[in-house]
Every structure is written in C-alpha cells, then in structure tokens.
Amino acid sequence: MKEEIQEWVLENNLDPIQTTILVDRPGKTVAKVETTSGNLVLKAPLDPREVAANDRLAAVGLPVSRIVARRDRYLLMEWIDGERLSSASPPGAQLQAGRLLRQVHDLGGGPPYKGNAT
C-alpha cells in the first residue's frame, strides 16, 4: 500500500520522503505523507461528503485542512500539527475548541456519518 500511495503522490507533482500508515482496515486507509514541501494526510477511499463538508467549513472561515488533490479513490490534504485535547489541556485551548464546535453546530444540517437517516 505504501508504494501505491507514494506513486499517487508523485503523480501529483509532490516528492514523498516517507509514508506512515496510520489506519489500515477494510474500506479505510489513512496515511501521513512527508514530502519535501510539507506534511500531508492521504485518505482512501475518497468520500465526496468529506470534501463537501471541508469546503463548507472553509467557506465560513473555520480552520480546516486545505485539500491538495482529490482523484480516483484518494483525498490528499495538508497535515495540521496539533495536540490532543483532554480535560488536562489548558482551559484556553478547551474554550477555543468549544467555540469552534459551536460554529460548526450553528451551520445546521445533518451529520454525514454512517447510519444517519437520509
């Protein structure tokens, strides 16, 4: 799988240095791809709902990963470094996360998760 990912990244004019598979199970692959121009996350299969949600959040100014490429069965996005949020996180970080989540909820619309009635 790593070779297939690196080949696809090369086809998108990026120079991969290292690929780390983060999730590999039937129907879902997620990999961190380090390139000479920065770190990216690759997801397969491409889910048009994720692309639409990402575009919608970006349109209202919420901080989301920029989509670098989407083609065939792959979605390639910029990697955003960060720390996991927990009850031990600084209160300011928790408040900021809550504010961002409130903005997402204020957009309305149904969640695009499996099992959601359509």
PDB file of N, CA and C in Angstrom:
ATOM      1  N   MET A   1       0.821  -1.191   0.000  1.00  0.00           N
ATOM      2  CA  MET A   1       0.000   0.000   0.000  1.00  0.00           C
ATOM      3  C   MET A   1       0.868   1.260   0.000  1.00  0.00           C
ATOM      4  N   LYS A   2       1.979   1.243   0.750  1.00  0.00           N
ATOM      5  CA  LYS A   2       2.854   2.422   0.795  1.00  0.00           C
ATOM      6  C   LYS A   2       3.351   2.799  -0.596  1.00  0.00           C
ATOM      7  N   GLU A   3       3.712   1.789  -1.393  1.00  0.00           N
ATOM      8  CA  GLU A   3       4.227   2.056  -2.730  1.00  0.00           C
ATOM      9  C   GLU A   3       3.146   2.693  -3.599  1.00  0.00           C
ATOM     10  N   GLU A   4       1.924   2.194  -3.491  1.00  0.00           N
ATOM     11  CA  GLU A   4       0.808   2.740  -4.265  1.00  0.00           C
ATOM     12  C   GLU A   4       0.547   4.198  -3.882  1.00  0.00           C
ATOM     13  N   ILE A   5       0.601   4.487  -2.594  1.00  0.00           N
ATOM     14  CA  ILE A   5       0.396   5.856  -2.110  1.00  0.00           C
ATOM     15  C   ILE A   5       1.503   6.766  -2.630  1.00  0.00           C
ATOM     16  N   GLN A   6       2.753   6.322  -2.504  1.00  0.00           N
ATOM     17  CA  GLN A   6       3.869   7.154  -2.951  1.00  0.00           C
ATOM     18  C   GLN A   6       3.801   7.415  -4.452  1.00  0.00           C
ATOM     19  N   GLU A   7       3.384   6.420  -5.217  1.00  0.00           N
ATOM     20  CA  GLU A   7       3.244   6.600  -6.665  1.00  0.00           C
ATOM     21  C   GLU A   7       2.172   7.653  -6.961  1.00  0.00           C
ATOM     22  N   TRP A   8       1.050   7.583  -6.255  1.00  0.00           N
ATOM     23  CA  TRP A   8      -0.031   8.549  -6.462  1.00  0.00           C
ATOM     24  C   TRP A   8       0.420   9.955  -6.081  1.00  0.00           C
ATOM     25  N   VAL A   9       1.166  10.071  -4.981  1.00  0.00           N
ATOM     26  CA  VAL A   9       1.672  11.376  -4.547  1.00  0.00           C
ATOM     27  C   VAL A   9       2.625  11.943  -5.600  1.00  0.00           C
ATOM     28  N   LEU A  10       3.485  11.102  -6.149  1.00  0.00           N
ATOM     29  CA  LEU A  10       4.397  11.539  -7.212  1.00  0.00           C
ATOM     30  C   LEU A  10       3.630  12.030  -8.438  1.00  0.00           C
ATOM     31  N   GLU A  11       2.538  11.348  -8.771  1.00  0.00           N
ATOM     32  CA  GLU A  11       1.718  11.761  -9.911  1.00  0.00           C
ATOM     33  C   GLU A  11       1.125  13.153  -9.701  1.00  0.00           C
ATOM     34  N   ASN A  12       1.041  13.588  -8.453  1.00  0.00           N
ATOM     35  CA  ASN A  12       0.511  14.913  -8.129  1.00  0.00           C
ATOM     36  C   ASN A  12       1.629  15.930  -7.930  1.00  0.00           C
ATOM     37  N   ASN A  13       2.791  15.632  -8.523  1.00  0.00           N
ATOM     38  CA  ASN A  13       3.941  16.545  -8.516  1.00  0.00           C
ATOM     39  C   ASN A  13       4.447  16.879  -7.119  1.00  0.00           C
ATOM     40  N   LEU A  14       4.372  15.913  -6.230  1.00  0.00           N
ATOM     41  CA  LEU A  14       4.924  16.066  -4.886  1.00  0.00           C
ATOM     42  C   LEU A  14       6.018  15.026  -4.719  1.00  0.00           C
ATOM     43  N   ASP A  15       7.019  15.337  -3.940  1.00  0.00           N
ATOM     44  CA  ASP A  15       8.157  14.444  -3.754  1.00  0.00           C
ATOM     45  C   ASP A  15       8.078  13.804  -2.371  1.00  0.00           C
ATOM     46  N   PRO A  16       7.545  12.564  -2.281  1.00  0.00           N
ATOM     47  CA  PRO A  16       7.408  11.931  -0.969  1.00  0.00           C
ATOM     48  C   PRO A  16       8.750  11.512  -0.382  1.00  0.00           C
ATOM     49  N   ILE A  17       8.902  11.767   0.916  1.00  0.00           N
ATOM     50  CA  ILE A  17      10.099  11.352   1.645  1.00  0.00           C
ATOM     51  C   ILE A  17       9.792  10.076   2.422  1.00  0.00           C
ATOM     52  N   GLN A  18       8.667  10.102   3.140  1.00  0.00           N
ATOM     53  CA  GLN A  18       8.289   8.964   3.974  1.00  0.00           C
ATOM     54  C   GLN A  18       6.776   8.895   4.065  1.00  0.00           C
ATOM     55  N   THR A  19       6.251   7.672   4.075  1.00  0.00           N
ATOM     56  CA  THR A  19       4.822   7.445   4.242  1.00  0.00           C
ATOM     57  C   THR A  19       4.617   6.573   5.464  1.00  0.00           C
ATOM     58  N   THR A  20       3.734   7.010   6.358  1.00  0.00           N
ATOM     59  CA  THR A  20       3.404   6.251   7.562  1.00  0.00           C
ATOM     60  C   THR A  20       1.919   5.928   7.532  1.00  0.00           C
ATOM     61  N   ILE A  21       1.587   4.651   7.511  1.00  0.00           N
ATOM     62  CA  ILE A  21       0.185   4.237   7.527  1.00  0.00           C
ATOM     63  C   ILE A  21      -0.340   4.403   8.954  1.00  0.00           C
ATOM     64  N   LEU A  22      -1.396   5.193   9.116  1.00  0.00           N
ATOM     65  CA  LEU A  22      -1.988   5.438  10.433  1.00  0.00           C
ATOM     66  C   LEU A  22      -3.195   4.544  10.687  1.00  0.00           C
ATOM     67  N   VAL A  23      -3.975   4.289   9.642  1.00  0.00           N
ATOM     68  CA  VAL A  23      -5.149   3.414   9.724  1.00  0.00           C
ATOM     69  C   VAL A  23      -5.134   2.538   8.486  1.00  0.00           C
ATOM     70  N   ASP A  24      -5.285   1.233   8.672  1.00  0.00           N
ATOM     71  CA  ASP A  24      -5.350   0.319   7.536  1.00  0.00           C
ATOM     72  C   ASP A  24      -6.295  -0.813   7.891  1.00  0.00           C
ATOM     73  N   ARG A  25      -7.533  -0.643   7.481  1.00  0.00           N
ATOM     74  CA  ARG A  25      -8.537  -1.675   7.719  1.00  0.00           C
ATOM     75  C   ARG A  25      -9.420  -1.743   6.474  1.00  0.00           C
ATOM     76  N   PRO A  26     -10.192  -2.795   6.331  1.00  0.00           N
ATOM     77  CA  PRO A  26     -11.032  -2.907   5.136  1.00  0.00           C
ATOM     78  C   PRO A  26     -11.913  -1.666   4.947  1.00  0.00           C
ATOM     79  N   GLY A  27     -11.802  -1.065   3.785  1.00  0.00           N
ATOM     80  CA  GLY A  27     -12.622   0.091   3.464  1.00  0.00           C
ATOM     81  C   GLY A  27     -12.109   1.421   3.969  1.00  0.00           C
ATOM     82  N   LYS A  28     -10.936   1.461   4.615  1.00  0.00           N
ATOM     83  CA  LYS A  28     -10.427   2.733   5.143  1.00  0.00           C
ATOM     84  C   LYS A  28      -8.913   2.672   5.289  1.00  0.00           C
ATOM     85  N   THR A  29      -8.232   3.618   4.637  1.00  0.00           N
ATOM     86  CA  THR A  29      -6.790   3.785   4.798  1.00  0.00           C
ATOM     87  C   THR A  29      -6.514   5.260   5.026  1.00  0.00           C
ATOM     88  N   VAL A  30      -5.685   5.550   6.024  1.00  0.00           N
ATOM     89  CA  VAL A  30      -5.237   6.914   6.299  1.00  0.00           C
ATOM     90  C   VAL A  30      -3.728   6.850   6.470  1.00  0.00           C
ATOM     91  N   ALA A  31      -3.017   7.750   5.794  1.00  0.00           N
ATOM     92  CA  ALA A  31      -1.557   7.759   5.877  1.00  0.00           C
ATOM     93  C   ALA A  31      -1.046   9.184   6.012  1.00  0.00           C
ATOM     94  N   LYS A  32       0.028   9.332   6.774  1.00  0.00           N
ATOM     95  CA  LYS A  32       0.749  10.599   6.825  1.00  0.00           C
ATOM     96  C   LYS A  32       1.847  10.503   5.778  1.00  0.00           C
ATOM     97  N   VAL A  33       1.892  11.501   4.895  1.00  0.00           N
ATOM     98  CA  VAL A  33       2.882  11.512   3.823  1.00  0.00           C
ATOM     99  C   VAL A  33       3.774  12.732   4.016  1.00  0.00           C
ATOM    100  N   GLU A  34       5.040  12.476   4.316  1.00  0.00           N
ATOM    101  CA  GLU A  34       6.005  13.567   4.451  1.00  0.00           C
ATOM    102  C   GLU A  34       6.608  13.820   3.075  1.00  0.00           C
ATOM    103  N   THR A  35       6.563  15.087   2.636  1.00  0.00           N
ATOM    104  CA  THR A  35       7.111  15.449   1.329  1.00  0.00           C
ATOM    105  C   THR A  35       8.132  16.563   1.507  1.00  0.00           C
ATOM    106  N   THR A  36       8.831  16.869   0.442  1.00  0.00           N
ATOM    107  CA  THR A  36       9.817  17.949   0.505  1.00  0.00           C
ATOM    108  C   THR A  36       9.154  19.307   0.701  1.00  0.00           C
ATOM    109  N   SER A  37       7.853  19.401   0.411  1.00  0.00           N
ATOM    110  CA  SER A  37       7.152  20.679   0.578  1.00  0.00           C
ATOM    111  C   SER A  37       6.227  20.717   1.792  1.00  0.00           C
ATOM    112  N   GLY A  38       6.276  19.684   2.634  1.00  0.00           N
ATOM    113  CA  GLY A  38       5.459  19.674   3.848  1.00  0.00           C
ATOM    114  C   GLY A  38       4.761  18.345   4.057  1.00  0.00           C
ATOM    115  N   ASN A  39       4.077  18.245   5.187  1.00  0.00           N
ATOM    116  CA  ASN A  39       3.391  17.008   5.536  1.00  0.00           C
ATOM    117  C   ASN A  39       1.943  17.036   5.061  1.00  0.00           C
ATOM    118  N   LEU A  40       1.480  15.865   4.615  1.00  0.00           N
ATOM    119  CA  LEU A  40       0.129  15.719   4.090  1.00  0.00           C
ATOM    120  C   LEU A  40      -0.536  14.509   4.720  1.00  0.00           C
ATOM    121  N   VAL A  41      -1.853  14.459   4.632  1.00  0.00           N
ATOM    122  CA  VAL A  41      -2.593  13.275   5.049  1.00  0.00           C
ATOM    123  C   VAL A  41      -3.350  12.768   3.825  1.00  0.00           C
ATOM    124  N   LEU A  42      -3.254  11.472   3.592  1.00  0.00           N
ATOM    125  CA  LEU A  42      -3.933  10.843   2.477  1.00  0.00           C
ATOM    126  C   LEU A  42      -5.021   9.940   3.030  1.00  0.00           C
ATOM    127  N   LYS A  43      -6.210  10.036   2.456  1.00  0.00           N
ATOM    128  CA  LYS A  43      -7.331   9.205   2.890  1.00  0.00           C
ATOM    129  C   LYS A  43      -7.888   8.454   1.692  1.00  0.00           C
ATOM    130  N   ALA A  44      -8.225   7.194   1.926  1.00  0.00           N
ATOM    131  CA  ALA A  44      -8.860   6.385   0.891  1.00  0.00           C
ATOM    132  C   ALA A  44      -9.911   5.504   1.559  1.00  0.00           C
ATOM    133  N   PRO A  45     -11.035   5.280   0.984  1.00  0.00           N
ATOM    134  CA  PRO A  45     -11.431   5.852  -0.289  1.00  0.00           C
ATOM    135  C   PRO A  45     -11.875   7.301  -0.131  1.00  0.00           C
ATOM    136  N   LEU A  46     -11.834   8.026  -1.227  1.00  0.00           N
ATOM    137  CA  LEU A  46     -12.297   9.402  -1.265  1.00  0.00           C
ATOM    138  C   LEU A  46     -13.792   9.417  -0.948  1.00  0.00           C
ATOM    139  N   ASP A  47     -14.190  10.248   0.005  1.00  0.00           N
ATOM    140  CA  ASP A  47     -15.598  10.383   0.374  1.00  0.00           C
ATOM    141  C   ASP A  47     -16.064  11.781  -0.034  1.00  0.00           C
ATOM    142  N   PRO A  48     -16.920  11.882  -1.053  1.00  0.00           N
ATOM    143  CA  PRO A  48     -17.371  13.200  -1.510  1.00  0.00           C
ATOM    144  C   PRO A  48     -18.032  14.018  -0.401  1.00  0.00           C
ATOM    145  N   ARG A  49     -18.634  13.343   0.584  1.00  0.00           N
ATOM    146  CA  ARG A  49     -19.261  14.070   1.695  1.00  0.00           C
ATOM    147  C   ARG A  49     -18.209  14.777   2.537  1.00  0.00           C
ATOM    148  N   GLU A  50     -17.049  14.155   2.716  1.00  0.00           N
ATOM    149  CA  GLU A  50     -15.977  14.798   3.480  1.00  0.00           C
ATOM    150  C   GLU A  50     -15.455  16.025   2.736  1.00  0.00           C
ATOM    151  N   VAL A  51     -15.323  15.906   1.425  1.00  0.00           N
ATOM    152  CA  VAL A  51     -14.870  17.039   0.615  1.00  0.00           C
ATOM    153  C   VAL A  51     -15.875  18.183   0.724  1.00  0.00           C
ATOM    154  N   ALA A  52     -17.167  17.866   0.602  1.00  0.00           N
ATOM    155  CA  ALA A  52     -18.211  18.894   0.685  1.00  0.00           C
ATOM    156  C   ALA A  52     -18.222  19.556   2.057  1.00  0.00           C
ATOM    157  N   ALA A  53     -18.088  18.759   3.115  1.00  0.00           N
ATOM    158  CA  ALA A  53     -18.067  19.315   4.472  1.00  0.00           C
ATOM    159  C   ALA A  53     -16.846  20.203   4.667  1.00  0.00           C
ATOM    160  N   ASN A  54     -15.697  19.762   4.180  1.00  0.00           N
ATOM    161  CA  ASN A  54     -14.469  20.550   4.294  1.00  0.00           C
ATOM    162  C   ASN A  54     -14.620  21.889   3.569  1.00  0.00           C
ATOM    163  N   ASP A  55     -15.180  21.842   2.360  1.00  0.00           N
ATOM    164  CA  ASP A  55     -15.392  23.069   1.583  1.00  0.00           C
ATOM    165  C   ASP A  55     -16.350  24.016   2.305  1.00  0.00           C
ATOM    166  N   ARG A  56     -17.397  23.466   2.892  1.00  0.00           N
ATOM    167  CA  ARG A  56     -18.385  24.292   3.598  1.00  0.00           C
ATOM    168  C   ARG A  56     -17.770  24.960   4.824  1.00  0.00           C
ATOM    169  N   LEU A  57     -16.997  24.211   5.594  1.00  0.00           N
ATOM    170  CA  LEU A  57     -16.354  24.776   6.782  1.00  0.00           C
ATOM    171  C   LEU A  57     -15.340  25.850   6.393  1.00  0.00           C
ATOM    172  N   ALA A  58     -14.576  25.594   5.340  1.00  0.00           N
ATOM    173  CA  ALA A  58     -13.587  26.578   4.882  1.00  0.00           C
ATOM    174  C   ALA A  58     -14.273  27.857   4.409  1.00  0.00           C
ATOM    175  N   ALA A  59     -15.429  27.720   3.765  1.00  0.00           N
ATOM    176  CA  ALA A  59     -16.143  28.875   3.218  1.00  0.00           C
ATOM    177  C   ALA A  59     -16.603  29.848   4.295  1.00  0.00           C
ATOM    178  N   VAL A  60     -16.828  29.344   5.517  1.00  0.00           N
ATOM    179  CA  VAL A  60     -17.255  30.234   6.609  1.00  0.00           C
ATOM    180  C   VAL A  60     -16.086  30.612   7.511  1.00  0.00           C
ATOM    181  N   GLY A  61     -14.874  30.260   7.082  1.00  0.00           N
ATOM    182  CA  GLY A  61     -13.685  30.702   7.802  1.00  0.00           C
ATOM    183  C   GLY A  61     -13.209  29.809   8.927  1.00  0.00           C
ATOM    184  N   LEU A  62     -13.745  28.601   9.017  1.00  0.00           N
ATOM    185  CA  LEU A  62     -13.265  27.689  10.059  1.00  0.00           C
ATOM    186  C   LEU A  62     -11.934  27.068   9.632  1.00  0.00           C
ATOM    187  N   PRO A  63     -11.057  26.800  10.604  1.00  0.00           N
ATOM    188  CA  PRO A  63      -9.739  26.248  10.266  1.00  0.00           C
ATOM    189  C   PRO A  63      -9.838  24.766   9.889  1.00  0.00           C
ATOM    190  N   VAL A  64      -9.647  24.484   8.621  1.00  0.00           N
ATOM    191  CA  VAL A  64      -9.668  23.109   8.125  1.00  0.00           C
ATOM    192  C   VAL A  64      -8.442  22.878   7.252  1.00  0.00           C
ATOM    193  N   SER A  65      -8.137  21.622   7.033  1.00  0.00           N
ATOM    194  CA  SER A  65      -7.017  21.273   6.157  1.00  0.00           C
ATOM    195  C   SER A  65      -7.346  21.649   4.725  1.00  0.00           C
ATOM    196  N   ARG A  66      -6.374  22.231   4.046  1.00  0.00           N
ATOM    197  CA  ARG A  66      -6.533  22.564   2.628  1.00  0.00           C
ATOM    198  C   ARG A  66      -6.440  21.277   1.813  1.00  0.00           C
ATOM    199  N   ILE A  67      -7.365  21.103   0.896  1.00  0.00           N
ATOM    200  CA  ILE A  67      -7.327  19.940   0.014  1.00  0.00           C
ATOM    201  C   ILE A  67      -6.283  20.199  -1.067  1.00  0.00           C
ATOM    202  N   VAL A  68      -5.313  19.292  -1.153  1.00  0.00           N
ATOM    203  CA  VAL A  68      -4.211  19.417  -2.112  1.00  0.00           C
ATOM    204  C   VAL A  68      -4.575  18.730  -3.424  1.00  0.00           C
ATOM    205  N   ALA A  69      -5.193  17.553  -3.330  1.00  0.00           N
ATOM    206  CA  ALA A  69      -5.579  16.803  -4.528  1.00  0.00           C
ATOM    207  C   ALA A  69      -6.689  15.828  -4.171  1.00  0.00           C
ATOM    208  N   ARG A  70      -7.537  15.584  -5.134  1.00  0.00           N
ATOM    209  CA  ARG A  70      -8.559  14.547  -4.995  1.00  0.00           C
ATOM    210  C   ARG A  70      -8.756  13.935  -6.369  1.00  0.00           C
ATOM    211  N   ARG A  71      -8.572  12.648  -6.412  1.00  0.00           N
ATOM    212  CA  ARG A  71      -8.657  11.961  -7.695  1.00  0.00           C
ATOM    213  C   ARG A  71      -8.747  10.472  -7.446  1.00  0.00           C
ATOM    214  N   ASP A  72      -9.393   9.816  -8.367  1.00  0.00           N
ATOM    215  CA  ASP A  72      -9.565   8.377  -8.264  1.00  0.00           C
ATOM    216  C   ASP A  72     -10.186   8.059  -6.911  1.00  0.00           C
ATOM    217  N   ARG A  73      -9.478   7.311  -6.112  1.00  0.00           N
ATOM    218  CA  ARG A  73     -10.035   6.935  -4.808  1.00  0.00           C
ATOM    219  C   ARG A  73      -9.339   7.631  -3.648  1.00  0.00           C
ATOM    220  N   TYR A  74      -8.504   8.621  -3.934  1.00  0.00           N
ATOM    221  CA  TYR A  74      -7.702   9.259  -2.890  1.00  0.00           C
ATOM    222  C   TYR A  74      -8.071  10.715  -2.649  1.00  0.00           C
ATOM    223  N   LEU A  75      -7.937  11.114  -1.397  1.00  0.00           N
ATOM    224  CA  LEU A  75      -8.060  12.510  -0.985  1.00  0.00           C
ATOM    225  C   LEU A  75      -6.762  12.863  -0.278  1.00  0.00           C
ATOM    226  N   LEU A  76      -6.109  13.925  -0.724  1.00  0.00           N
ATOM    227  CA  LEU A  76      -4.839  14.358  -0.149  1.00  0.00           C
ATOM    228  C   LEU A  76      -5.023  15.759   0.411  1.00  0.00           C
ATOM    229  N   MET A  77      -4.722  15.915   1.712  1.00  0.00           N
ATOM    230  CA  MET A  77      -4.932  17.186   2.401  1.00  0.00           C
ATOM    231  C   MET A  77      -3.678  17.571   3.163  1.00  0.00           C
ATOM    232  N   GLU A  78      -3.558  18.876   3.457  1.00  0.00           N
ATOM    233  CA  GLU A  78      -2.423  19.298   4.268  1.00  0.00           C
ATOM    234  C   GLU A  78      -2.572  18.703   5.670  1.00  0.00           C
ATOM    235  N   TRP A  79      -1.449  18.396   6.271  1.00  0.00           N
ATOM    236  CA  TRP A  79      -1.383  17.866   7.634  1.00  0.00           C
ATOM    237  C   TRP A  79      -1.301  19.047   8.584  1.00  0.00           C
ATOM    238  N   ILE A  80      -2.162  19.074   9.576  1.00  0.00           N
ATOM    239  CA  ILE A  80      -2.119  20.143  10.570  1.00  0.00           C
ATOM    240  C   ILE A  80      -1.607  19.547  11.871  1.00  0.00           C
ATOM    241  N   ASP A  81      -0.448  20.043  12.322  1.00  0.00           N
ATOM    242  CA  ASP A  81       0.095  19.578  13.598  1.00  0.00           C
ATOM    243  C   ASP A  81      -0.773  20.096  14.736  1.00  0.00           C
ATOM    244  N   GLY A  82      -0.855  19.336  15.780  1.00  0.00           N
ATOM    245  CA  GLY A  82      -1.630  19.764  16.935  1.00  0.00           C
ATOM    246  C   GLY A  82      -1.464  18.788  18.079  1.00  0.00           C
ATOM    247  N   GLU A  83      -2.116  19.097  19.159  1.00  0.00           N
ATOM    248  CA  GLU A  83      -2.096  18.235  20.335  1.00  0.00           C
ATOM    249  C   GLU A  83      -3.509  17.766  20.616  1.00  0.00           C
ATOM    250  N   ARG A  84      -3.621  16.562  21.150  1.00  0.00           N
ATOM    251  CA  ARG A  84      -4.937  16.047  21.527  1.00  0.00           C
ATOM    252  C   ARG A  84      -5.499  16.888  22.660  1.00  0.00           C
ATOM    253  N   LEU A  85      -6.778  17.134  22.583  1.00  0.00           N
ATOM    254  CA  LEU A  85      -7.461  17.898  23.615  1.00  0.00           C
ATOM    255  C   LEU A  85      -7.987  16.932  24.669  1.00  0.00           C
ATOM    256  N   SER A  86      -7.784  17.267  25.932  1.00  0.00           N
ATOM    257  CA  SER A  86      -8.290  16.438  27.026  1.00  0.00           C
ATOM    258  C   SER A  86      -8.655  17.343  28.194  1.00  0.00           C
ATOM    259  N   SER A  87      -9.152  16.743  29.249  1.00  0.00           N
ATOM    260  CA  SER A  87      -9.501  17.524  30.441  1.00  0.00           C
ATOM    261  C   SER A  87      -8.254  18.144  31.068  1.00  0.00           C
ATOM    262  N   ALA A  88      -7.074  17.634  30.722  1.00  0.00           N
ATOM    263  CA  ALA A  88      -5.825  18.188  31.250  1.00  0.00           C
ATOM    264  C   ALA A  88      -5.277  19.319  30.370  1.00  0.00           C
ATOM    265  N   SER A  89      -5.918  19.569  29.224  1.00  0.00           N
ATOM    266  CA  SER A  89      -5.474  20.645  28.332  1.00  0.00           C
ATOM    267  C   SER A  89      -5.710  21.996  28.991  1.00  0.00           C
ATOM    268  N   PRO A  90      -4.940  23.007  28.610  1.00  0.00           N
ATOM    269  CA  PRO A  90      -5.142  24.345  29.170  1.00  0.00           C
ATOM    270  C   PRO A  90      -6.578  24.822  28.935  1.00  0.00           C
ATOM    271  N   PRO A  91      -7.164  25.510  29.913  1.00  0.00           N
ATOM    272  CA  PRO A  91      -8.545  25.986  29.766  1.00  0.00           C
ATOM    273  C   PRO A  91      -8.764  26.817  28.500  1.00  0.00           C
ATOM    274  N   GLY A  92      -7.784  27.617  28.113  1.00  0.00           N
ATOM    275  CA  GLY A  92      -7.925  28.425  26.902  1.00  0.00           C
ATOM    276  C   GLY A  92      -8.101  27.566  25.657  1.00  0.00           C
ATOM    277  N   ALA A  93      -7.374  26.457  25.596  1.00  0.00           N
ATOM    278  CA  ALA A  93      -7.486  25.549  24.455  1.00  0.00           C
ATOM    279  C   ALA A  93      -8.860  24.887  24.441  1.00  0.00           C
ATOM    280  N   GLN A  94      -9.355  24.531  25.622  1.00  0.00           N
ATOM    281  CA  GLN A  94     -10.681  23.918  25.710  1.00  0.00           C
ATOM    282  C   GLN A  94     -11.768  24.905  25.285  1.00  0.00           C
ATOM    283  N   LEU A  95     -11.638  26.157  25.710  1.00  0.00           N
ATOM    284  CA  LEU A  95     -12.614  27.180  25.327  1.00  0.00           C
ATOM    285  C   LEU A  95     -12.600  27.419  23.818  1.00  0.00           C
ATOM    286  N   GLN A  96     -11.413  27.500  23.248  1.00  0.00           N
ATOM    287  CA  GLN A  96     -11.301  27.713  21.802  1.00  0.00           C
ATOM    288  C   GLN A  96     -11.927  26.556  21.033  1.00  0.00           C
ATOM    289  N   ALA A  97     -11.677  25.329  21.473  1.00  0.00           N
ATOM    290  CA  ALA A  97     -12.271  24.165  20.810  1.00  0.00           C
ATOM    291  C   ALA A  97     -13.795  24.217  20.913  1.00  0.00           C
ATOM    292  N   GLY A  98     -14.292  24.616  22.067  1.00  0.00           N
ATOM    293  CA  GLY A  98     -15.738  24.742  22.247  1.00  0.00           C
ATOM    294  C   GLY A  98     -16.339  25.795  21.331  1.00  0.00           C
ATOM    295  N   ARG A  99     -15.646  26.913  21.180  1.00  0.00           N
ATOM    296  CA  ARG A  99     -16.131  27.975  20.285  1.00  0.00           C
ATOM    297  C   ARG A  99     -16.186  27.490  18.832  1.00  0.00           C
ATOM    298  N   LEU A 100     -15.142  26.780  18.421  1.00  0.00           N
ATOM    299  CA  LEU A 100     -15.122  26.255  17.055  1.00  0.00           C
ATOM    300  C   LEU A 100     -16.243  25.238  16.844  1.00  0.00           C
ATOM    301  N   LEU A 101     -16.443  24.371  17.818  1.00  0.00           N
ATOM    302  CA  LEU A 101     -17.505  23.372  17.720  1.00  0.00           C
ATOM    303  C   LEU A 101     -18.877  24.047  17.654  1.00  0.00           C
ATOM    304  N   ARG A 102     -19.054  25.119  18.425  1.00  0.00           N
ATOM    305  CA  ARG A 102     -20.311  25.873  18.390  1.00  0.00           C
ATOM    306  C   ARG A 102     -20.556  26.422  16.980  1.00  0.00           C
ATOM    307  N   GLN A 103     -19.502  26.929  16.333  1.00  0.00           N
ATOM    308  CA  GLN A 103     -19.640  27.451  14.972  1.00  0.00           C
ATOM    309  C   GLN A 103     -20.065  26.348  13.996  1.00  0.00           C
ATOM    310  N   VAL A 104     -19.508  25.170  14.177  1.00  0.00           N
ATOM    311  CA  VAL A 104     -19.874  24.042  13.318  1.00  0.00           C
ATOM    312  C   VAL A 104     -21.349  23.705  13.525  1.00  0.00           C
ATOM    313  N   HIS A 105     -21.774  23.630  14.774  1.00  0.00           N
ATOM    314  CA  HIS A 105     -23.169  23.297  15.074  1.00  0.00           C
ATOM    315  C   HIS A 105     -24.121  24.368  14.550  1.00  0.00           C
ATOM    316  N   ASP A 106     -23.699  25.618  14.604  1.00  0.00           N
ATOM    317  CA  ASP A 106     -24.547  26.717  14.133  1.00  0.00           C
ATOM    318  C   ASP A 106     -24.793  26.663  12.627  1.00  0.00           C
ATOM    319  N   LEU A 107     -23.953  25.943  11.896  1.00  0.00           N
ATOM    320  CA  LEU A 107     -24.152  25.822  10.453  1.00  0.00           C
ATOM    321  C   LEU A 107     -25.407  25.028  10.117  1.00  0.00           C
ATOM    322  N   GLY A 108     -25.823  24.160  11.035  1.00  0.00           N
ATOM    323  CA  GLY A 108     -27.005  23.339  10.787  1.00  0.00           C
ATOM    324  C   GLY A 108     -26.710  22.218   9.815  1.00  0.00           C
ATOM    325  N   GLY A 109     -27.749  21.512   9.437  1.00  0.00           N
ATOM    326  CA  GLY A 109     -27.580  20.381   8.529  1.00  0.00           C
ATOM    327  C   GLY A 109     -27.338  19.113   9.311  1.00  0.00           C
ATOM    328  N   GLY A 110     -27.582  17.992   8.685  1.00  0.00           N
ATOM    329  CA  GLY A 110     -27.403  16.700   9.342  1.00  0.00           C
ATOM    330  C   GLY A 110     -25.981  16.217   9.267  1.00  0.00           C
ATOM    331  N   PRO A 111     -25.600  15.404  10.222  1.00  0.00           N
ATOM    332  CA  PRO A 111     -24.239  14.853  10.212  1.00  0.00           C
ATOM    333  C   PRO A 111     -24.081  13.822   9.096  1.00  0.00           C
ATOM    334  N   PRO A 112     -22.954  13.811   8.415  1.00  0.00           N
ATOM    335  CA  PRO A 112     -22.737  12.854   7.320  1.00  0.00           C
ATOM    336  C   PRO A 112     -22.053  11.578   7.785  1.00  0.00           C
ATOM    337  N   TYR A 113     -22.534  10.987   8.879  1.00  0.00           N
ATOM    338  CA  TYR A 113     -21.888   9.765   9.349  1.00  0.00           C
ATOM    339  C   TYR A 113     -22.714   8.556   8.945  1.00  0.00           C
ATOM    340  N   LYS A 114     -22.063   7.395   8.921  1.00  0.00           N
ATOM    341  CA  LYS A 114     -22.753   6.157   8.565  1.00  0.00           C
ATOM    342  C   LYS A 114     -23.911   5.932   9.524  1.00  0.00           C
ATOM    343  N   GLY A 115     -25.000   5.477   8.994  1.00  0.00           N
ATOM    344  CA  GLY A 115     -26.151   5.185   9.830  1.00  0.00           C
ATOM    345  C   GLY A 115     -27.093   6.362   9.974  1.00  0.00           C
ATOM    346  N   ASN A 116     -26.681   7.532   9.515  1.00  0.00           N
ATOM    347  CA  ASN A 116     -27.555   8.698   9.595  1.00  0.00           C
ATOM    348  C   ASN A 116     -28.696   8.520   8.598  1.00  0.00           C
ATOM    349  N   ALA A 117     -29.903   8.699   9.055  1.00  0.00           N
ATOM    350  CA  ALA A 117     -31.056   8.587   8.162  1.00  0.00           C
ATOM    351  C   ALA A 117     -30.976   9.683   7.105  1.00  0.00           C
ATOM    352  N   THR A 118     -31.164   9.312   5.857  1.00  0.00           N
ATOM    353  CA  THR A 118     -31.108  10.314   4.789  1.00  0.00           C
ATOM    354  C   THR A 118     -32.455  10.492   4.141  1.00  0.00           C
TER     355      THR A 118
END
